[in-house]
Protein backbone atom coordinates (compact mmCIF):
# COMPACT_ATOMS: atom_id res chain seq x y z
CA MET A 1 -12.97 -4.75 -57.93
CA PHE A 2 -16.52 -7.07 -57.45
CA VAL A 3 -20.38 -5.89 -57.51
CA LEU A 4 -22.51 -7.13 -55.12
CA ALA A 5 -26.63 -6.70 -54.52
CA ASN A 6 -25.71 -3.68 -57.37
CA ILE A 7 -22.73 -2.47 -54.67
CA LYS A 8 -19.48 -1.81 -56.05
CA TYR A 9 -16.04 -2.40 -53.87
CA GLU A 10 -12.15 -2.60 -54.47
CA ILE A 11 -10.13 -3.62 -52.02
CA GLN A 12 -7.55 -1.34 -51.98
CA GLU A 13 -4.81 -2.29 -49.38
CA ASN A 14 -5.40 -5.33 -46.37
CA VAL A 15 -4.44 -3.76 -43.68
CA GLY A 16 -4.71 -5.97 -41.26
CA THR A 17 -7.29 -9.01 -39.90
CA ILE A 18 -8.05 -9.04 -37.02
CA SER A 19 -9.34 -12.50 -35.94
CA GLU A 20 -11.08 -14.76 -37.94
CA GLY A 21 -14.20 -17.72 -37.67
CA ALA A 22 -14.58 -21.39 -37.06
CA LYS A 23 -16.19 -21.15 -40.86
CA GLY A 24 -12.88 -19.52 -42.09
CA TRP A 25 -14.93 -15.88 -42.08
CA LYS A 26 -11.76 -12.51 -41.61
CA ARG A 27 -12.56 -9.69 -39.50
CA GLU A 28 -10.62 -7.56 -41.47
CA LEU A 29 -9.35 -4.18 -41.99
CA ASN A 30 -9.49 -3.61 -45.05
CA LEU A 31 -8.96 0.38 -47.35
CA ILE A 32 -11.81 -0.08 -49.51
CA SER A 33 -13.68 2.00 -52.25
CA TRP A 34 -17.09 1.64 -52.50
CA ASN A 35 -19.14 2.23 -55.55
CA ASN A 36 -15.59 4.43 -57.69
CA ARG A 37 -15.97 6.93 -54.97
CA ASP A 38 -12.54 7.67 -52.66
CA PRO A 39 -11.67 5.25 -50.63
CA LYS A 40 -12.20 4.64 -46.36
CA TYR A 41 -10.88 2.59 -44.48
CA ASP A 42 -13.60 -0.32 -43.77
CA LEU A 43 -14.33 -3.25 -40.75
CA ARG A 44 -16.45 -5.95 -40.72
CA ASP A 45 -16.38 -9.54 -41.40
CA TRP A 46 -15.45 -11.80 -44.83
CA ASP A 47 -15.32 -15.06 -46.61
CA GLU A 48 -12.22 -16.29 -48.46
CA GLN A 49 -12.86 -14.88 -51.82
CA HIS A 50 -14.01 -12.13 -50.40
CA GLU A 51 -17.46 -12.15 -51.98
CA LYS A 52 -19.68 -12.02 -49.27
CA MET A 53 -19.97 -9.69 -45.90
CA GLY A 54 -21.22 -9.14 -42.95
CA LYS A 55 -22.49 -5.99 -41.36
CA GLY A 56 -19.25 -2.66 -40.86
CA LEU A 57 -17.95 0.09 -40.02
CA THR A 58 -16.66 2.86 -42.47
CA LEU A 59 -13.78 5.04 -41.37
CA SER A 60 -12.89 8.17 -42.73
CA LYS A 61 -8.68 8.97 -42.27
CA GLU A 62 -9.62 11.51 -39.50
CA GLU A 63 -12.21 9.10 -37.65
CA LEU A 64 -9.72 6.16 -37.10
CA ILE A 65 -7.05 7.40 -36.38
CA LYS A 66 -9.07 9.50 -33.09
CA LEU A 67 -9.80 5.14 -32.79
CA ARG A 68 -7.13 5.53 -32.28
CA ASP A 69 -6.28 7.52 -29.84
CA LEU A 70 -9.40 6.38 -28.49
CA LEU A 71 -7.96 3.35 -27.76
CA ASN A 72 -4.74 4.22 -26.43
CA GLY A 73 -6.49 5.86 -23.99
CA LEU A 74 -7.94 1.96 -22.59
CA ASP A 75 -6.57 1.20 -19.74
CA LEU A 76 -6.13 -2.53 -21.04
């Protein structure tokens, strides 16, 4: 478990990496418990040690499923 500015977080599962920046930061989808709450899916940039993070987006399982369905419907 990590503590950052009075925010506790525990990465319970690394789902995957979307991209990596030149300075080694990775944009990852993780399942994270914030402040000992139920875990949620989280998309944000992380440093290599997962001690520093960028701004991100936190989604419930239901929201992640809806996002998946929306993305699957795109004509790419």
